[in-house]
PDB file of N, CA and C in Angstrom:
ATOM      1  N   SER A   1      42.852 110.399  69.923  1.00  0.00           N
ATOM      2  CA  SER A   1      41.748 109.561  70.422  1.00  0.00           C
ATOM      3  C   SER A   1      40.538 110.281  70.019  1.00  0.00           C
ATOM      4  N   GLY A   2      39.527 109.539  69.786  1.00  0.00           N
ATOM      5  CA  GLY A   2      38.163 109.836  69.381  1.00  0.00           C
ATOM      6  C   GLY A   2      37.515 110.946  70.199  1.00  0.00           C
ATOM      7  N   GLY A   3      37.883 111.162  71.562  1.00  0.00           N
ATOM      8  CA  GLY A   3      37.401 112.190  72.190  1.00  0.00           C
ATOM      9  C   GLY A   3      38.100 113.577  71.981  1.00  0.00           C
ATOM     10  N   GLU A   4      39.364 113.400  71.643  1.00  0.00           N
ATOM     11  CA  GLU A   4      40.296 114.553  71.291  1.00  0.00           C
ATOM     12  C   GLU A   4      39.691 114.971  69.844  1.00  0.00           C
ATOM     13  N   GLN A   5      39.441 114.175  69.069  1.00  0.00           N
ATOM     14  CA  GLN A   5      38.847 114.474  67.799  1.00  0.00           C
ATOM     15  C   GLN A   5      37.559 115.245  67.959  1.00  0.00           C
ATOM     16  N   GLN A   6      36.683 114.772  68.762  1.00  0.00           N
ATOM     17  CA  GLN A   6      35.465 115.509  69.066  1.00  0.00           C
ATOM     18  C   GLN A   6      35.701 116.778  69.536  1.00  0.00           C
ATOM     19  N   MET A   7      36.489 116.996  70.424  1.00  0.00           N
ATOM     20  CA  MET A   7      36.888 118.283  71.217  1.00  0.00           C
ATOM     21  C   MET A   7      37.296 119.198  70.073  1.00  0.00           C
ATOM     22  N   LEU A   8      38.262 118.856  69.266  1.00  0.00           N
ATOM     23  CA  LEU A   8      38.919 119.596  68.217  1.00  0.00           C
ATOM     24  C   LEU A   8      37.843 120.052  67.164  1.00  0.00           C
ATOM     25  N   THR A   9      36.853 119.220  66.871  1.00  0.00           N
ATOM     26  CA  THR A   9      35.805 119.628  65.889  1.00  0.00           C
ATOM     27  C   THR A   9      35.037 120.622  66.514  1.00  0.00           C
ATOM     28  N   ILE A  10      34.579 120.625  67.814  1.00  0.00           N
ATOM     29  CA  ILE A  10      33.808 121.502  68.525  1.00  0.00           C
ATOM     30  C   ILE A  10      34.621 122.664  68.425  1.00  0.00           C
ATOM     31  N   ALA A  11      35.824 122.789  68.910  1.00  0.00           N
ATOM     32  CA  ALA A  11      36.446 123.901  69.029  1.00  0.00           C
ATOM     33  C   ALA A  11      36.497 124.750  67.802  1.00  0.00           C
ATOM     34  N   ARG A  12      36.911 124.025  66.688  1.00  0.00           N
ATOM     35  CA  ARG A  12      36.982 124.551  65.272  1.00  0.00           C
ATOM     36  C   ARG A  12      35.424 125.366  65.179  1.00  0.00           C
ATOM     37  N   THR A  13      34.561 124.623  65.393  1.00  0.00           N
ATOM     38  CA  THR A  13      33.090 125.058  65.066  1.00  0.00           C
ATOM     39  C   THR A  13      32.916 126.400  65.822  1.00  0.00           C
ATOM     40  N   LEU A  14      33.464 126.461  67.123  1.00  0.00           N
ATOM     41  CA  LEU A  14      33.154 127.650  67.957  1.00  0.00           C
ATOM     42  C   LEU A  14      33.993 128.680  67.438  1.00  0.00           C
ATOM     43  N   MET A  15      35.053 128.512  66.856  1.00  0.00           N
ATOM     44  CA  MET A  15      35.935 129.678  66.302  1.00  0.00           C
ATOM     45  C   MET A  15      35.087 130.559  65.339  1.00  0.00           C
ATOM     46  N   GLY A  16      34.254 129.863  64.684  1.00  0.00           N
ATOM     47  CA  GLY A  16      33.392 130.723  63.611  1.00  0.00           C
ATOM     48  C   GLY A  16      32.175 131.378  64.227  1.00  0.00           C
ATOM     49  N   ASN A  17      32.119 131.528  65.444  1.00  0.00           N
ATOM     50  CA  ASN A  17      30.835 132.249  66.176  1.00  0.00           C
ATOM     51  C   ASN A  17      29.618 131.861  65.565  1.00  0.00           C
ATOM     52  N   PRO A  18      29.251 130.398  65.600  1.00  0.00           N
ATOM     53  CA  PRO A  18      28.052 129.995  65.100  1.00  0.00           C
ATOM     54  C   PRO A  18      26.931 130.582  65.831  1.00  0.00           C
ATOM     55  N   GLU A  19      25.780 130.632  65.097  1.00  0.00           N
ATOM     56  CA  GLU A  19      24.405 130.983  65.704  1.00  0.00           C
ATOM     57  C   GLU A  19      23.745 129.807  66.502  1.00  0.00           C
ATOM     58  N   VAL A  20      23.981 128.664  65.819  1.00  0.00           N
ATOM     59  CA  VAL A  20      23.549 127.335  66.380  1.00  0.00           C
ATOM     60  C   VAL A  20      24.577 126.382  65.965  1.00  0.00           C
ATOM     61  N   ILE A  21      24.778 125.101  66.619  1.00  0.00           N
ATOM     62  CA  ILE A  21      25.467 124.133  66.406  1.00  0.00           C
ATOM     63  C   ILE A  21      24.797 122.940  66.252  1.00  0.00           C
ATOM     64  N   LEU A  22      25.243 122.084  65.345  1.00  0.00           N
ATOM     65  CA  LEU A  22      24.427 120.737  65.073  1.00  0.00           C
ATOM     66  C   LEU A  22      25.675 119.650  65.440  1.00  0.00           C
ATOM     67  N   ILE A  23      25.424 118.983  66.527  1.00  0.00           N
ATOM     68  CA  ILE A  23      26.380 117.936  66.811  1.00  0.00           C
ATOM     69  C   ILE A  23      25.782 116.491  66.727  1.00  0.00           C
ATOM     70  N   ASP A  24      26.221 115.789  65.981  1.00  0.00           N
ATOM     71  CA  ASP A  24      25.995 114.424  65.457  1.00  0.00           C
ATOM     72  C   ASP A  24      26.752 113.365  66.306  1.00  0.00           C
ATOM     73  N   GLU A  25      26.091 112.500  67.081  1.00  0.00           N
ATOM     74  CA  GLU A  25      26.762 111.502  67.888  1.00  0.00           C
ATOM     75  C   GLU A  25      27.910 111.704  68.473  1.00  0.00           C
ATOM     76  N   PRO A  26      28.049 112.683  69.306  1.00  0.00           N
ATOM     77  CA  PRO A  26      29.283 113.097  69.907  1.00  0.00           C
ATOM     78  C   PRO A  26      29.970 112.057  70.785  1.00  0.00           C
ATOM     79  N   THR A  27      29.142 111.218  71.310  1.00  0.00           N
ATOM     80  CA  THR A  27      29.773 110.084  72.341  1.00  0.00           C
ATOM     81  C   THR A  27      29.840 109.002  71.881  1.00  0.00           C
ATOM     82  N   GLU A  28      29.746 108.746  70.429  1.00  0.00           N
ATOM     83  CA  GLU A  28      29.885 107.374  69.828  1.00  0.00           C
ATOM     84  C   GLU A  28      31.095 106.848  69.784  1.00  0.00           C
ATOM     85  N   GLY A  29      31.281 105.674  70.200  1.00  0.00           N
ATOM     86  CA  GLY A  29      32.707 105.120  70.563  1.00  0.00           C
ATOM     87  C   GLY A  29      33.665 105.410  71.448  1.00  0.00           C
ATOM     88  N   LEU A  30      33.168 106.303  72.294  1.00  0.00           N
ATOM     89  CA  LEU A  30      33.966 107.060  73.381  1.00  0.00           C
ATOM     90  C   LEU A  30      34.098 106.245  74.608  1.00  0.00           C
ATOM     91  N   ALA A  31      35.153 106.229  75.427  1.00  0.00           N
ATOM     92  CA  ALA A  31      35.121 105.673  76.620  1.00  0.00           C
ATOM     93  C   ALA A  31      34.201 106.578  77.771  1.00  0.00           C
ATOM     94  N   PRO A  32      33.634 105.800  78.634  1.00  0.00           N
ATOM     95  CA  PRO A  32      32.795 106.554  79.592  1.00  0.00           C
ATOM     96  C   PRO A  32      33.364 107.745  80.240  1.00  0.00           C
ATOM     97  N   LYS A  33      34.596 107.930  80.604  1.00  0.00           N
ATOM     98  CA  LYS A  33      35.214 109.059  81.123  1.00  0.00           C
ATOM     99  C   LYS A  33      35.328 110.208  80.174  1.00  0.00           C
ATOM    100  N   ILE A  34      35.408 109.819  79.057  1.00  0.00           N
ATOM    101  CA  ILE A  34      35.583 110.917  77.851  1.00  0.00           C
ATOM    102  C   ILE A  34      34.324 111.389  77.391  1.00  0.00           C
ATOM    103  N   VAL A  35      33.309 110.514  77.536  1.00  0.00           N
ATOM    104  CA  VAL A  35      31.831 110.831  77.478  1.00  0.00           C
ATOM    105  C   VAL A  35      31.442 111.926  78.432  1.00  0.00           C
ATOM    106  N   GLU A  36      31.912 111.723  79.542  1.00  0.00           N
ATOM    107  CA  GLU A  36      31.515 112.725  80.794  1.00  0.00           C
ATOM    108  C   GLU A  36      32.247 114.264  80.219  1.00  0.00           C
ATOM    109  N   THR A  37      33.366 114.129  79.824  1.00  0.00           N
ATOM    110  CA  THR A  37      34.260 115.403  79.373  1.00  0.00           C
ATOM    111  C   THR A  37      33.384 116.148  78.192  1.00  0.00           C
ATOM    112  N   VAL A  38      33.037 115.202  77.313  1.00  0.00           N
ATOM    113  CA  VAL A  38      32.296 115.788  76.173  1.00  0.00           C
ATOM    114  C   VAL A  38      31.066 116.392  76.451  1.00  0.00           C
ATOM    115  N   GLU A  39      30.096 115.775  77.385  1.00  0.00           N
ATOM    116  CA  GLU A  39      28.988 116.207  78.025  1.00  0.00           C
ATOM    117  C   GLU A  39      29.219 117.525  78.606  1.00  0.00           C
ATOM    118  N   GLN A  40      30.221 117.639  79.514  1.00  0.00           N
ATOM    119  CA  GLN A  40      30.473 118.992  80.245  1.00  0.00           C
ATOM    120  C   GLN A  40      30.739 120.012  79.262  1.00  0.00           C
ATOM    121  N   VAL A  41      31.443 119.775  78.090  1.00  0.00           N
ATOM    122  CA  VAL A  41      31.754 120.885  77.026  1.00  0.00           C
ATOM    123  C   VAL A  41      30.473 121.322  76.437  1.00  0.00           C
ATOM    124  N   ILE A  42      29.591 120.357  76.003  1.00  0.00           N
ATOM    125  CA  ILE A  42      28.236 120.567  75.406  1.00  0.00           C
ATOM    126  C   ILE A  42      27.393 121.530  76.300  1.00  0.00           C
ATOM    127  N   GLN A  43      27.455 121.155  77.729  1.00  0.00           N
ATOM    128  CA  GLN A  43      26.636 121.926  78.718  1.00  0.00           C
ATOM    129  C   GLN A  43      27.290 123.226  78.726  1.00  0.00           C
ATOM    130  N   ASP A  44      28.612 123.467  78.737  1.00  0.00           N
ATOM    131  CA  ASP A  44      29.101 124.825  78.845  1.00  0.00           C
ATOM    132  C   ASP A  44      28.872 125.608  77.629  1.00  0.00           C
ATOM    133  N   ILE A  45      28.873 124.984  76.324  1.00  0.00           N
ATOM    134  CA  ILE A  45      28.445 125.772  75.281  1.00  0.00           C
ATOM    135  C   ILE A  45      26.941 126.330  75.281  1.00  0.00           C
ATOM    136  N   HIS A  46      26.211 125.299  75.739  1.00  0.00           N
ATOM    137  CA  HIS A  46      24.923 125.777  75.852  1.00  0.00           C
ATOM    138  C   HIS A  46      24.609 126.901  77.014  1.00  0.00           C
ATOM    139  N   ARG A  47      25.482 126.814  78.054  1.00  0.00           N
ATOM    140  CA  ARG A  47      25.238 127.824  79.245  1.00  0.00           C
ATOM    141  C   ARG A  47      25.707 129.341  78.677  1.00  0.00           C
ATOM    142  N   HIS A  48      26.612 129.319  77.573  1.00  0.00           N
ATOM    143  CA  HIS A  48      27.037 130.425  76.919  1.00  0.00           C
ATOM    144  C   HIS A  48      26.066 130.964  75.888  1.00  0.00           C
ATOM    145  N   GLY A  49      24.984 130.361  75.906  1.00  0.00           N
ATOM    146  CA  GLY A  49      23.714 130.926  75.112  1.00  0.00           C
ATOM    147  C   GLY A  49      23.758 130.430  73.577  1.00  0.00           C
ATOM    148  N   ILE A  50      24.693 129.469  73.138  1.00  0.00           N
ATOM    149  CA  ILE A  50      24.665 129.019  71.843  1.00  0.00           C
ATOM    150  C   ILE A  50      23.541 127.777  71.755  1.00  0.00           C
ATOM    151  N   PRO A  51      22.589 127.874  70.919  1.00  0.00           N
ATOM    152  CA  PRO A  51      21.597 126.797  70.796  1.00  0.00           C
ATOM    153  C   PRO A  51      22.356 125.457  70.054  1.00  0.00           C
ATOM    154  N   ILE A  52      22.024 124.472  70.568  1.00  0.00           N
ATOM    155  CA  ILE A  52      22.532 123.252  70.057  1.00  0.00           C
ATOM    156  C   ILE A  52      21.564 122.197  69.592  1.00  0.00           C
ATOM    157  N   LEU A  53      21.723 121.625  68.326  1.00  0.00           N
ATOM    158  CA  LEU A  53      20.789 120.486  67.786  1.00  0.00           C
ATOM    159  C   LEU A  53      21.791 119.305  68.017  1.00  0.00           C
ATOM    160  N   LEU A  54      21.412 118.465  68.933  1.00  0.00           N
ATOM    161  CA  LEU A  54      22.131 117.242  69.369  1.00  0.00           C
ATOM    162  C   LEU A  54      21.543 116.037  68.698  1.00  0.00           C
ATOM    163  N   VAL A  55      22.058 115.232  68.067  1.00  0.00           N
ATOM    164  CA  VAL A  55      21.615 114.008  67.510  1.00  0.00           C
ATOM    165  C   VAL A  55      22.398 112.860  68.390  1.00  0.00           C
ATOM    166  N   GLU A  56      21.718 112.052  69.200  1.00  0.00           N
ATOM    167  CA  GLU A  56      22.387 111.201  70.036  1.00  0.00           C
ATOM    168  C   GLU A  56      21.486 109.831  70.244  1.00  0.00           C
ATOM    169  N   GLN A  57      22.269 108.547  70.012  1.00  0.00           N
ATOM    170  CA  GLN A  57      21.416 107.510  70.220  1.00  0.00           C
ATOM    171  C   GLN A  57      21.487 106.940  71.626  1.00  0.00           C
ATOM    172  N   ASN A  58      22.455 107.624  72.327  1.00  0.00           N
ATOM    173  CA  ASN A  58      22.559 107.012  73.691  1.00  0.00           C
ATOM    174  C   ASN A  58      21.531 107.930  74.482  1.00  0.00           C
ATOM    175  N   MET A  59      20.494 106.994  74.951  1.00  0.00           N
ATOM    176  CA  MET A  59      19.433 107.718  75.470  1.00  0.00           C
ATOM    177  C   MET A  59      19.636 108.570  76.872  1.00  0.00           C
ATOM    178  N   ARG A  60      20.685 107.838  77.741  1.00  0.00           N
ATOM    179  CA  ARG A  60      21.021 108.436  78.943  1.00  0.00           C
ATOM    180  C   ARG A  60      21.691 109.978  78.803  1.00  0.00           C
ATOM    181  N   VAL A  61      22.754 109.860  77.619  1.00  0.00           N
ATOM    182  CA  VAL A  61      23.188 111.184  77.414  1.00  0.00           C
ATOM    183  C   VAL A  61      22.457 112.233  76.861  1.00  0.00           C
ATOM    184  N   ALA A  62      21.449 111.656  76.045  1.00  0.00           N
ATOM    185  CA  ALA A  62      20.258 112.683  75.423  1.00  0.00           C
ATOM    186  C   ALA A  62      19.551 113.279  76.593  1.00  0.00           C
ATOM    187  N   LEU A  63      19.176 112.334  77.570  1.00  0.00           N
ATOM    188  CA  LEU A  63      18.333 112.804  78.811  1.00  0.00           C
ATOM    189  C   LEU A  63      19.050 114.030  79.589  1.00  0.00           C
ATOM    190  N   ARG A  64      20.375 113.575  79.682  1.00  0.00           N
ATOM    191  CA  ARG A  64      21.019 114.639  80.672  1.00  0.00           C
ATOM    192  C   ARG A  64      21.188 115.902  79.678  1.00  0.00           C
ATOM    193  N   LEU A  65      21.343 116.047  78.568  1.00  0.00           N
ATOM    194  CA  LEU A  65      21.739 117.117  77.899  1.00  0.00           C
ATOM    195  C   LEU A  65      20.544 118.009  77.338  1.00  0.00           C
ATOM    196  N   ALA A  66      19.649 117.313  76.922  1.00  0.00           N
ATOM    197  CA  ALA A  66      18.572 118.002  76.110  1.00  0.00           C
ATOM    198  C   ALA A  66      17.416 118.690  76.965  1.00  0.00           C
ATOM    199  N   GLY A  67      17.120 119.842  76.470  1.00  0.00           N
ATOM    200  CA  GLY A  67      16.008 120.560  77.049  1.00  0.00           C
ATOM    201  C   GLY A  67      14.797 119.957  76.499  1.00  0.00           C
ATOM    202  N   ARG A  68      14.582 119.676  75.152  1.00  0.00           N
ATOM    203  CA  ARG A  68      13.625 119.205  74.348  1.00  0.00           C
ATOM    204  C   ARG A  68      14.109 118.078  73.569  1.00  0.00           C
ATOM    205  N   ILE A  69      13.275 116.927  73.569  1.00  0.00           N
ATOM    206  CA  ILE A  69      13.685 115.749  72.946  1.00  0.00           C
ATOM    207  C   ILE A  69      12.647 115.395  71.822  1.00  0.00           C
ATOM    208  N   TYR A  70      13.140 115.025  70.705  1.00  0.00           N
ATOM    209  CA  TYR A  70      12.291 114.502  69.598  1.00  0.00           C
ATOM    210  C   TYR A  70      12.968 113.017  69.312  1.00  0.00           C
ATOM    211  N   VAL A  71      11.783 112.074  69.389  1.00  0.00           N
ATOM    212  CA  VAL A  71      12.212 110.758  68.860  1.00  0.00           C
ATOM    213  C   VAL A  71      11.650 110.721  67.371  1.00  0.00           C
ATOM    214  N   ILE A  72      12.339 110.295  66.485  1.00  0.00           N
ATOM    215  CA  ILE A  72      12.107 110.066  65.216  1.00  0.00           C
ATOM    216  C   ILE A  72      12.259 108.648  64.645  1.00  0.00           C
ATOM    217  N   SER A  73      11.267 108.193  63.998  1.00  0.00           N
ATOM    218  CA  SER A  73      11.206 106.795  63.484  1.00  0.00           C
ATOM    219  C   SER A  73      10.791 106.967  61.865  1.00  0.00           C
ATOM    220  N   LYS A  74      11.501 106.242  61.098  1.00  0.00           N
ATOM    221  CA  LYS A  74      11.240 106.290  59.737  1.00  0.00           C
ATOM    222  C   LYS A  74      10.775 107.595  59.112  1.00  0.00           C
ATOM    223  N   GLY A  75      11.564 108.599  59.637  1.00  0.00           N
ATOM    224  CA  GLY A  75      11.312 109.912  59.086  1.00  0.00           C
ATOM    225  C   GLY A  75      10.149 110.707  59.603  1.00  0.00           C
ATOM    226  N   LYS A  76       9.543 110.270  60.729  1.00  0.00           N
ATOM    227  CA  LYS A  76       8.374 110.879  61.327  1.00  0.00           C
ATOM    228  C   LYS A  76       8.683 111.071  62.822  1.00  0.00           C
ATOM    229  N   ILE A  77       8.178 112.333  63.322  1.00  0.00           N
ATOM    230  CA  ILE A  77       8.386 112.456  64.807  1.00  0.00           C
ATOM    231  C   ILE A  77       7.364 111.785  65.455  1.00  0.00           C
ATOM    232  N   VAL A  78       7.780 110.696  66.240  1.00  0.00           N
ATOM    233  CA  VAL A  78       6.699 109.981  67.007  1.00  0.00           C
ATOM    234  C   VAL A  78       6.651 110.375  68.605  1.00  0.00           C
ATOM    235  N   PHE A  79       7.514 111.252  68.813  1.00  0.00           N
ATOM    236  CA  PHE A  79       7.546 111.850  70.378  1.00  0.00           C
ATOM    237  C   PHE A  79       8.346 113.093  70.206  1.00  0.00           C
ATOM    238  N   GLN A  80       7.662 114.198  70.936  1.00  0.00           N
ATOM    239  CA  GLN A  80       8.308 115.402  71.353  1.00  0.00           C
ATOM    240  C   GLN A  80       7.973 115.725  72.705  1.00  0.00           C
ATOM    241  N   GLY A  81       8.949 116.109  73.329  1.00  0.00           N
ATOM    242  CA  GLY A  81       8.610 116.674  74.659  1.00  0.00           C
ATOM    243  C   GLY A  81       9.999 116.902  75.551  1.00  0.00           C
ATOM    244  N   THR A  82       9.838 117.007  76.923  1.00  0.00           N
ATOM    245  CA  THR A  82      11.032 117.189  77.829  1.00  0.00           C
ATOM    246  C   THR A  82      11.763 115.873  78.030  1.00  0.00           C
ATOM    247  N   SER A  83      12.788 115.958  78.700  1.00  0.00           N
ATOM    248  CA  SER A  83      13.456 114.806  79.263  1.00  0.00           C
ATOM    249  C   SER A  83      12.372 114.003  80.155  1.00  0.00           C
ATOM    250  N   GLN A  84      11.942 114.881  81.123  1.00  0.00           N
ATOM    251  CA  GLN A  84      10.981 114.079  82.128  1.00  0.00           C
ATOM    252  C   GLN A  84       9.810 113.287  81.470  1.00  0.00           C
ATOM    253  N   GLU A  85       9.339 114.043  80.364  1.00  0.00           N
ATOM    254  CA  GLU A  85       8.003 113.499  79.550  1.00  0.00           C
ATOM    255  C   GLU A  85       8.458 112.072  79.005  1.00  0.00           C
ATOM    256  N   LEU A  86       9.590 112.135  78.583  1.00  0.00           N
ATOM    257  CA  LEU A  86      10.063 111.090  77.728  1.00  0.00           C
ATOM    258  C   LEU A  86      10.295 109.852  78.755  1.00  0.00           C
ATOM    259  N   GLN A  87      10.933 110.132  80.045  1.00  0.00           N
ATOM    260  CA  GLN A  87      11.160 109.220  80.965  1.00  0.00           C
ATOM    261  C   GLN A  87       9.744 108.527  81.390  1.00  0.00           C
ATOM    262  N   GLU A  88       8.678 109.360  81.396  1.00  0.00           N
ATOM    263  CA  GLU A  88       7.225 109.051  81.570  1.00  0.00           C
ATOM    264  C   GLU A  88       6.701 108.205  80.630  1.00  0.00           C
ATOM    265  N   ALA A  89       6.989 108.396  79.475  1.00  0.00           N
ATOM    266  CA  ALA A  89       6.382 107.813  78.241  1.00  0.00           C
ATOM    267  C   ALA A  89       6.971 106.479  77.945  1.00  0.00           C
ATOM    268  N   HIS A  90       6.465 105.427  78.685  1.00  0.00           N
ATOM    269  CA  HIS A  90       6.805 104.221  78.615  1.00  0.00           C
ATOM    270  C   HIS A  90       6.699 103.264  77.354  1.00  0.00           C
ATOM    271  N   GLU A  91       5.439 103.586  76.655  1.00  0.00           N
ATOM    272  CA  GLU A  91       5.252 102.899  75.518  1.00  0.00           C
ATOM    273  C   GLU A  91       6.276 103.483  74.431  1.00  0.00           C
ATOM    274  N   ILE A  92       6.552 104.736  74.250  1.00  0.00           N
ATOM    275  CA  ILE A  92       7.459 105.281  73.484  1.00  0.00           C
ATOM    276  C   ILE A  92       8.984 104.618  73.510  1.00  0.00           C
ATOM    277  N   ARG A  93       9.161 104.503  74.851  1.00  0.00           N
ATOM    278  CA  ARG A  93      10.569 104.331  75.218  1.00  0.00           C
ATOM    279  C   ARG A  93      10.642 102.610  74.815  1.00  0.00           C
ATOM    280  N   GLU A  94       9.731 101.915  75.029  1.00  0.00           N
ATOM    281  CA  GLU A  94       9.754 100.404  74.884  1.00  0.00           C
ATOM    282  C   GLU A  94       9.651 100.298  73.362  1.00  0.00           C
ATOM    283  N   LYS A  95       8.867 100.988  72.613  1.00  0.00           N
ATOM    284  CA  LYS A  95       8.773 100.825  70.990  1.00  0.00           C
ATOM    285  C   LYS A  95      10.058 101.169  70.370  1.00  0.00           C
ATOM    286  N   TYR A  96      10.553 102.233  70.864  1.00  0.00           N
ATOM    287  CA  TYR A  96      11.580 102.880  70.014  1.00  0.00           C
ATOM    288  C   TYR A  96      12.959 103.051  70.332  1.00  0.00           C
ATOM    289  N   LEU A  97      13.038 103.051  71.724  1.00  0.00           N
ATOM    290  CA  LEU A  97      14.322 103.383  72.267  1.00  0.00           C
ATOM    291  C   LEU A  97      15.004 102.135  73.116  1.00  0.00           C
ATOM    292  N   GLU A  98      14.339 101.164  73.681  1.00  0.00           N
ATOM    293  CA  GLU A  98      14.968 100.019  74.495  1.00  0.00           C
ATOM    294  C   GLU A  98      14.915  98.875  73.640  1.00  0.00           C
ATOM    295  N   VAL A  99      16.065  98.172  73.920  1.00  0.00           N
ATOM    296  CA  VAL A  99      16.175  96.843  73.172  1.00  0.00           C
ATOM    297  C   VAL A  99      15.582  95.688  74.049  1.00  0.00           C
TER     298      VAL A  99
END
């Protein structure tokens, strides 16, 4: 399944003792229950002190996982801040993140 493939990729990456991990769209196309599992794995990795650069289009997932958030549009950073700051940035959310 897609979730198993994501977990395998993450496990293989961890075997190399990385200094930082880039994770691109880890929840794309996954069932909600599997998304929870992938989120938990990412949180566990972070708790073990490995920095993570997460690229995620699912705003709810990004808000739950990220300590710092950057919104990029057309190659430019249009917002940078915490999850709380993004939740309060109504104009940014309306213009770039909400349909």
